[in-house]
Amino acid sequence: MPRQKGSGKGPTTRFNIRLDEHTGAYYRSKANEHGVSVSEYLRQMLVQGVIAENVSEIEQRLKQAVAQINTASMGGMGCTSDDEMLLSVFTCEALLTAIVEARDPQELYSAQDAARAKLKRIKGEWHGQT
């Protein structure tokens, strides 16, 4: 169902894609399940793909940063500043929170619960509790 003129969405760019009959039927079915048009469903899927790609890139950067911190700590250099390390952690947390919260707030709460449980386990190990 085409959008009416003056719907307040602003100018749009049209993209045409070709799908074989079975693929088109699949996406039409999925769009109907979600109660949206095929074009809206495909737009949502594209946005989710971009978000997933961004999260993956952030994860890779975090892994590299952790590896650098571990290497610096082992070499006796230590972190340049506790504030810098905390700022990095909090920045990453804020970015990931914004990304996940935009998709599904429940995922954010589940991730926070898992992080708290892991922190509790780690603190127990540090204090000799198992």
N, C-alpha and C. Protein backbone atom coordinates (compact mmCIF):
# COMPACT_ATOMS: atom_id res chain seq x y z
N MET A 1 0.85 -1.16 0.00
CA MET A 1 0.00 0.00 0.00
C MET A 1 0.89 1.23 0.00
N PRO A 2 0.81 2.06 -1.06
CA PRO A 2 1.69 3.22 -1.14
C PRO A 2 1.33 4.26 -0.09
N ARG A 3 2.34 4.97 0.33
CA ARG A 3 2.15 6.01 1.32
C ARG A 3 1.50 7.22 0.66
N GLN A 4 0.61 7.87 1.35
CA GLN A 4 -0.06 9.04 0.81
C GLN A 4 0.90 10.22 0.80
N LYS A 5 0.71 11.09 -0.18
CA LYS A 5 1.52 12.30 -0.23
C LYS A 5 1.20 13.14 0.99
N GLY A 6 2.20 13.83 1.49
CA GLY A 6 2.00 14.68 2.65
C GLY A 6 1.92 13.91 3.95
N SER A 7 2.54 12.72 3.98
CA SER A 7 2.47 11.91 5.20
C SER A 7 3.45 12.37 6.27
N GLY A 8 4.26 13.39 5.95
CA GLY A 8 5.16 13.95 6.94
C GLY A 8 6.48 13.23 7.06
N LYS A 9 6.75 12.27 6.19
CA LYS A 9 8.00 11.51 6.28
C LYS A 9 9.13 12.21 5.54
N GLY A 10 8.83 13.24 4.75
CA GLY A 10 9.86 13.94 4.01
C GLY A 10 10.18 13.22 2.71
N PRO A 11 11.10 13.79 1.94
CA PRO A 11 11.45 13.17 0.65
C PRO A 11 12.13 11.82 0.86
N THR A 12 11.87 10.91 -0.05
CA THR A 12 12.47 9.59 0.03
C THR A 12 13.17 9.26 -1.27
N THR A 13 14.07 8.30 -1.21
CA THR A 13 14.74 7.79 -2.39
C THR A 13 14.21 6.41 -2.67
N ARG A 14 13.91 6.15 -3.92
CA ARG A 14 13.34 4.87 -4.30
C ARG A 14 14.46 3.94 -4.78
N PHE A 15 14.45 2.70 -4.29
CA PHE A 15 15.37 1.66 -4.73
C PHE A 15 14.54 0.51 -5.26
N ASN A 16 14.93 -0.03 -6.36
CA ASN A 16 14.24 -1.20 -6.91
C ASN A 16 15.13 -2.41 -6.77
N ILE A 17 14.58 -3.49 -6.27
CA ILE A 17 15.33 -4.73 -6.20
C ILE A 17 14.50 -5.82 -6.85
N ARG A 18 15.18 -6.80 -7.41
CA ARG A 18 14.49 -7.91 -8.05
C ARG A 18 14.68 -9.14 -7.18
N LEU A 19 13.58 -9.82 -6.93
CA LEU A 19 13.60 -11.05 -6.14
C LEU A 19 12.92 -12.14 -6.93
N ASP A 20 13.44 -13.37 -6.80
CA ASP A 20 12.73 -14.47 -7.45
C ASP A 20 11.39 -14.68 -6.75
N GLU A 21 10.53 -15.46 -7.36
CA GLU A 21 9.16 -15.62 -6.87
C GLU A 21 9.11 -16.13 -5.43
N HIS A 22 9.93 -17.12 -5.11
CA HIS A 22 9.90 -17.71 -3.76
C HIS A 22 10.42 -16.72 -2.71
N THR A 23 11.48 -16.01 -3.05
CA THR A 23 12.04 -15.04 -2.10
C THR A 23 11.04 -13.90 -1.87
N GLY A 24 10.43 -13.42 -2.95
CA GLY A 24 9.43 -12.37 -2.82
C GLY A 24 8.26 -12.80 -1.95
N ALA A 25 7.80 -14.04 -2.16
CA ALA A 25 6.69 -14.56 -1.35
C ALA A 25 7.09 -14.66 0.12
N TYR A 26 8.34 -15.07 0.37
CA TYR A 26 8.83 -15.19 1.75
C TYR A 26 8.79 -13.82 2.45
N TYR A 27 9.36 -12.79 1.79
CA TYR A 27 9.39 -11.47 2.40
C TYR A 27 7.99 -10.87 2.53
N ARG A 28 7.12 -11.12 1.58
CA ARG A 28 5.74 -10.66 1.67
C ARG A 28 5.06 -11.29 2.89
N SER A 29 5.31 -12.59 3.09
CA SER A 29 4.74 -13.30 4.23
C SER A 29 5.27 -12.74 5.55
N LYS A 30 6.58 -12.52 5.63
CA LYS A 30 7.18 -11.97 6.85
C LYS A 30 6.66 -10.56 7.14
N ALA A 31 6.50 -9.75 6.08
CA ALA A 31 5.97 -8.39 6.26
C ALA A 31 4.55 -8.45 6.80
N ASN A 32 3.75 -9.37 6.26
CA ASN A 32 2.37 -9.51 6.75
C ASN A 32 2.34 -9.94 8.21
N GLU A 33 3.26 -10.83 8.60
CA GLU A 33 3.33 -11.26 10.00
C GLU A 33 3.59 -10.08 10.93
N HIS A 34 4.41 -9.13 10.45
CA HIS A 34 4.77 -7.97 11.27
C HIS A 34 3.80 -6.81 11.07
N GLY A 35 2.84 -6.97 10.18
CA GLY A 35 1.84 -5.93 9.97
C GLY A 35 2.35 -4.68 9.28
N VAL A 36 3.37 -4.84 8.43
CA VAL A 36 3.92 -3.70 7.70
C VAL A 36 4.00 -4.05 6.22
N SER A 37 4.29 -3.04 5.41
CA SER A 37 4.45 -3.27 3.98
C SER A 37 5.77 -4.00 3.73
N VAL A 38 5.90 -4.56 2.54
CA VAL A 38 7.15 -5.26 2.19
C VAL A 38 8.31 -4.28 2.22
N SER A 39 8.11 -3.08 1.67
CA SER A 39 9.21 -2.11 1.65
C SER A 39 9.62 -1.71 3.07
N GLU A 40 8.65 -1.53 3.97
CA GLU A 40 8.97 -1.18 5.36
C GLU A 40 9.70 -2.34 6.05
N TYR A 41 9.24 -3.55 5.80
CA TYR A 41 9.89 -4.72 6.40
C TYR A 41 11.34 -4.83 5.93
N LEU A 42 11.57 -4.66 4.62
CA LEU A 42 12.93 -4.73 4.09
C LEU A 42 13.79 -3.59 4.65
N ARG A 43 13.20 -2.40 4.80
CA ARG A 43 13.94 -1.27 5.38
C ARG A 43 14.37 -1.60 6.81
N GLN A 44 13.45 -2.18 7.59
CA GLN A 44 13.78 -2.55 8.96
C GLN A 44 14.89 -3.60 9.00
N MET A 45 14.85 -4.56 8.09
CA MET A 45 15.88 -5.60 8.04
C MET A 45 17.24 -4.99 7.69
N LEU A 46 17.25 -4.03 6.76
CA LEU A 46 18.50 -3.36 6.41
C LEU A 46 19.07 -2.59 7.60
N VAL A 47 18.21 -1.89 8.32
CA VAL A 47 18.65 -1.13 9.50
C VAL A 47 19.22 -2.08 10.55
N GLN A 48 18.54 -3.20 10.79
CA GLN A 48 19.04 -4.17 11.77
C GLN A 48 20.39 -4.73 11.35
N GLY A 49 20.57 -4.94 10.04
CA GLY A 49 21.86 -5.42 9.55
C GLY A 49 22.97 -4.42 9.80
N VAL A 50 22.69 -3.15 9.56
CA VAL A 50 23.68 -2.10 9.80
C VAL A 50 24.01 -2.02 11.29
N ILE A 51 23.00 -2.11 12.13
CA ILE A 51 23.23 -2.07 13.59
C ILE A 51 24.10 -3.24 14.01
N ALA A 52 23.79 -4.44 13.51
CA ALA A 52 24.58 -5.62 13.86
C ALA A 52 26.03 -5.46 13.41
N GLU A 53 26.22 -4.89 12.23
CA GLU A 53 27.58 -4.67 11.73
C GLU A 53 28.33 -3.67 12.61
N ASN A 54 27.65 -2.60 13.03
CA ASN A 54 28.27 -1.61 13.90
C ASN A 54 28.65 -2.21 15.25
N VAL A 55 27.76 -3.02 15.81
CA VAL A 55 28.05 -3.68 17.09
C VAL A 55 29.26 -4.59 16.94
N SER A 56 29.33 -5.31 15.84
CA SER A 56 30.46 -6.20 15.59
C SER A 56 31.77 -5.41 15.52
N GLU A 57 31.74 -4.28 14.83
CA GLU A 57 32.93 -3.44 14.74
C GLU A 57 33.35 -2.93 16.12
N ILE A 58 32.38 -2.52 16.93
CA ILE A 58 32.68 -2.04 18.28
C ILE A 58 33.28 -3.16 19.11
N GLU A 59 32.74 -4.38 18.98
CA GLU A 59 33.29 -5.52 19.71
C GLU A 59 34.75 -5.75 19.34
N GLN A 60 35.06 -5.68 18.05
CA GLN A 60 36.44 -5.88 17.61
C GLN A 60 37.36 -4.81 18.19
N ARG A 61 36.90 -3.56 18.19
CA ARG A 61 37.72 -2.49 18.77
C ARG A 61 37.93 -2.70 20.26
N LEU A 62 36.88 -3.14 20.95
CA LEU A 62 37.01 -3.41 22.38
C LEU A 62 38.02 -4.52 22.64
N LYS A 63 37.95 -5.58 21.84
CA LYS A 63 38.89 -6.69 22.01
C LYS A 63 40.32 -6.21 21.79
N GLN A 64 40.53 -5.36 20.78
CA GLN A 64 41.87 -4.82 20.53
C GLN A 64 42.33 -3.95 21.70
N ALA A 65 41.43 -3.13 22.22
CA ALA A 65 41.79 -2.26 23.34
C ALA A 65 42.13 -3.08 24.58
N VAL A 66 41.35 -4.13 24.85
CA VAL A 66 41.62 -4.99 26.00
C VAL A 66 42.97 -5.68 25.83
N ALA A 67 43.25 -6.15 24.62
CA ALA A 67 44.53 -6.80 24.36
C ALA A 67 45.69 -5.82 24.58
N GLN A 68 45.52 -4.58 24.14
CA GLN A 68 46.57 -3.58 24.34
C GLN A 68 46.75 -3.28 25.83
N ILE A 69 45.66 -3.20 26.56
CA ILE A 69 45.75 -2.94 28.00
C ILE A 69 46.45 -4.10 28.69
N ASN A 70 46.09 -5.33 28.32
CA ASN A 70 46.73 -6.50 28.92
C ASN A 70 48.22 -6.53 28.60
N THR A 71 48.57 -6.21 27.37
CA THR A 71 49.98 -6.19 26.97
C THR A 71 50.74 -5.13 27.76
N ALA A 72 50.14 -3.94 27.89
CA ALA A 72 50.79 -2.86 28.62
C ALA A 72 50.94 -3.22 30.09
N SER A 73 49.95 -3.87 30.67
CA SER A 73 50.01 -4.25 32.08
C SER A 73 51.08 -5.29 32.32
N MET A 74 51.20 -6.24 31.40
CA MET A 74 52.21 -7.29 31.56
C MET A 74 53.62 -6.74 31.41
N GLY A 75 53.77 -5.71 30.60
CA GLY A 75 55.08 -5.14 30.37
C GLY A 75 55.50 -4.19 31.47
N GLY A 76 54.70 -4.03 32.48
CA GLY A 76 55.04 -3.15 33.59
C GLY A 76 54.66 -1.71 33.33
N MET A 77 54.12 -1.43 32.14
CA MET A 77 53.77 -0.05 31.81
C MET A 77 52.49 0.37 32.52
N GLY A 78 51.56 -0.56 32.68
CA GLY A 78 50.29 -0.22 33.30
C GLY A 78 49.47 0.66 32.39
N CYS A 79 48.33 1.04 32.83
CA CYS A 79 47.47 1.93 32.05
C CYS A 79 47.99 3.34 32.18
N THR A 80 47.79 4.12 31.15
CA THR A 80 48.25 5.50 31.23
C THR A 80 47.43 6.27 32.26
N SER A 81 46.19 5.88 32.41
CA SER A 81 45.35 6.57 33.39
C SER A 81 44.12 5.73 33.67
N ASP A 82 43.80 5.60 34.95
CA ASP A 82 42.57 4.90 35.31
C ASP A 82 41.36 5.63 34.74
N ASP A 83 41.44 6.97 34.71
CA ASP A 83 40.33 7.75 34.16
C ASP A 83 40.11 7.45 32.69
N GLU A 84 41.21 7.30 31.93
CA GLU A 84 41.08 6.99 30.50
C GLU A 84 40.44 5.62 30.30
N MET A 85 40.84 4.67 31.12
CA MET A 85 40.28 3.33 31.00
C MET A 85 38.79 3.35 31.35
N LEU A 86 38.42 4.01 32.43
CA LEU A 86 37.01 4.10 32.81
C LEU A 86 36.20 4.86 31.76
N LEU A 87 36.77 5.92 31.22
CA LEU A 87 36.08 6.68 30.18
C LEU A 87 35.81 5.80 28.97
N SER A 88 36.79 4.98 28.59
CA SER A 88 36.60 4.07 27.46
C SER A 88 35.50 3.06 27.74
N VAL A 89 35.51 2.49 28.92
CA VAL A 89 34.48 1.50 29.28
C VAL A 89 33.10 2.15 29.28
N PHE A 90 32.98 3.32 29.88
CA PHE A 90 31.68 3.98 29.96
C PHE A 90 31.19 4.44 28.59
N THR A 91 32.12 4.88 27.74
CA THR A 91 31.74 5.28 26.38
C THR A 91 31.21 4.08 25.60
N CYS A 92 31.92 2.97 25.70
CA CYS A 92 31.47 1.75 25.02
C CYS A 92 30.11 1.30 25.55
N GLU A 93 29.95 1.37 26.86
CA GLU A 93 28.67 0.98 27.45
C GLU A 93 27.54 1.86 26.94
N ALA A 94 27.78 3.17 26.86
CA ALA A 94 26.75 4.09 26.40
C ALA A 94 26.40 3.84 24.93
N LEU A 95 27.43 3.59 24.11
CA LEU A 95 27.18 3.30 22.70
C LEU A 95 26.38 2.03 22.52
N LEU A 96 26.80 0.97 23.18
CA LEU A 96 26.10 -0.31 23.06
C LEU A 96 24.69 -0.22 23.61
N THR A 97 24.51 0.52 24.71
CA THR A 97 23.18 0.69 25.28
C THR A 97 22.26 1.39 24.28
N ALA A 98 22.76 2.44 23.65
CA ALA A 98 21.94 3.17 22.68
C ALA A 98 21.55 2.29 21.50
N ILE A 99 22.50 1.50 21.02
CA ILE A 99 22.23 0.62 19.88
C ILE A 99 21.22 -0.44 20.24
N VAL A 100 21.44 -1.13 21.34
CA VAL A 100 20.55 -2.22 21.73
C VAL A 100 19.18 -1.70 22.13
N GLU A 101 19.15 -0.58 22.85
CA GLU A 101 17.88 -0.03 23.31
C GLU A 101 17.01 0.39 22.13
N ALA A 102 17.65 0.84 21.04
CA ALA A 102 16.89 1.22 19.85
C ALA A 102 16.22 0.01 19.22
N ARG A 103 16.86 -1.14 19.33
CA ARG A 103 16.29 -2.36 18.75
C ARG A 103 15.25 -2.99 19.66
N ASP A 104 15.64 -3.27 20.91
CA ASP A 104 14.74 -3.98 21.82
C ASP A 104 15.20 -3.73 23.24
N PRO A 105 14.47 -2.93 24.00
CA PRO A 105 14.88 -2.62 25.38
C PRO A 105 15.06 -3.86 26.25
N GLN A 106 14.30 -4.91 25.99
CA GLN A 106 14.42 -6.13 26.79
C GLN A 106 15.81 -6.75 26.64
N GLU A 107 16.41 -6.66 25.43
CA GLU A 107 17.77 -7.17 25.22
C GLU A 107 18.75 -6.43 26.12
N LEU A 108 18.55 -5.12 26.28
CA LEU A 108 19.41 -4.32 27.15
C LEU A 108 19.34 -4.82 28.58
N TYR A 109 18.13 -5.05 29.08
CA TYR A 109 17.97 -5.50 30.46
C TYR A 109 18.59 -6.88 30.65
N SER A 110 18.43 -7.76 29.68
CA SER A 110 19.02 -9.10 29.77
C SER A 110 20.54 -9.01 29.80
N ALA A 111 21.10 -8.15 28.96
CA ALA A 111 22.56 -7.98 28.92
C ALA A 111 23.08 -7.42 30.25
N GLN A 112 22.36 -6.46 30.82
CA GLN A 112 22.77 -5.90 32.10
C GLN A 112 22.71 -6.94 33.21
N ASP A 113 21.67 -7.77 33.20
CA ASP A 113 21.56 -8.83 34.21
C ASP A 113 22.72 -9.82 34.08
N ALA A 114 23.06 -10.19 32.85
CA ALA A 114 24.17 -11.12 32.62
C ALA A 114 25.49 -10.50 33.08
N ALA A 115 25.67 -9.21 32.83
CA ALA A 115 26.90 -8.53 33.24
C ALA A 115 27.01 -8.48 34.77
N ARG A 116 25.89 -8.19 35.43
CA ARG A 116 25.91 -8.17 36.90
C ARG A 116 26.24 -9.54 37.47
N ALA A 117 25.67 -10.59 36.89
CA ALA A 117 25.94 -11.95 37.37
C ALA A 117 27.41 -12.30 37.17
N LYS A 118 27.96 -11.91 36.03
CA LYS A 118 29.38 -12.21 35.77
C LYS A 118 30.27 -11.43 36.74
N LEU A 119 29.94 -10.17 36.98
CA LEU A 119 30.71 -9.37 37.93
C LEU A 119 30.66 -9.98 39.32
N LYS A 120 29.50 -10.43 39.72
CA LYS A 120 29.35 -11.06 41.04
C LYS A 120 30.21 -12.32 41.13
N ARG A 121 30.22 -13.13 40.05
CA ARG A 121 31.05 -14.35 40.02
C ARG A 121 32.54 -13.99 40.11
N ILE A 122 32.95 -12.99 39.34
CA ILE A 122 34.36 -12.60 39.33
C ILE A 122 34.77 -12.06 40.69
N LYS A 123 33.95 -11.22 41.30
CA LYS A 123 34.28 -10.68 42.62
C LYS A 123 34.37 -11.79 43.65
N GLY A 124 33.52 -12.80 43.53
CA GLY A 124 33.58 -13.95 44.43
C GLY A 124 34.89 -14.70 44.28
N GLU A 125 35.38 -14.84 43.04
CA GLU A 125 36.66 -15.52 42.80
C GLU A 125 37.82 -14.70 43.35
N TRP A 126 37.74 -13.36 43.21
CA TRP A 126 38.80 -12.50 43.71
C TRP A 126 38.93 -12.58 45.22
N HIS A 127 37.82 -12.77 45.89
CA HIS A 127 37.83 -12.82 47.35
C HIS A 127 37.97 -14.24 47.88
N GLY A 128 38.31 -15.18 46.98
CA GLY A 128 38.53 -16.55 47.41
C GLY A 128 37.27 -17.36 47.60
N GLN A 129 36.15 -16.84 47.17
CA GLN A 129 34.89 -17.57 47.28
C GLN A 129 34.64 -18.28 45.95
N THR A 130 34.09 -19.49 46.01
CA THR A 130 33.73 -20.19 44.77
C THR A 130 32.37 -20.79 44.89
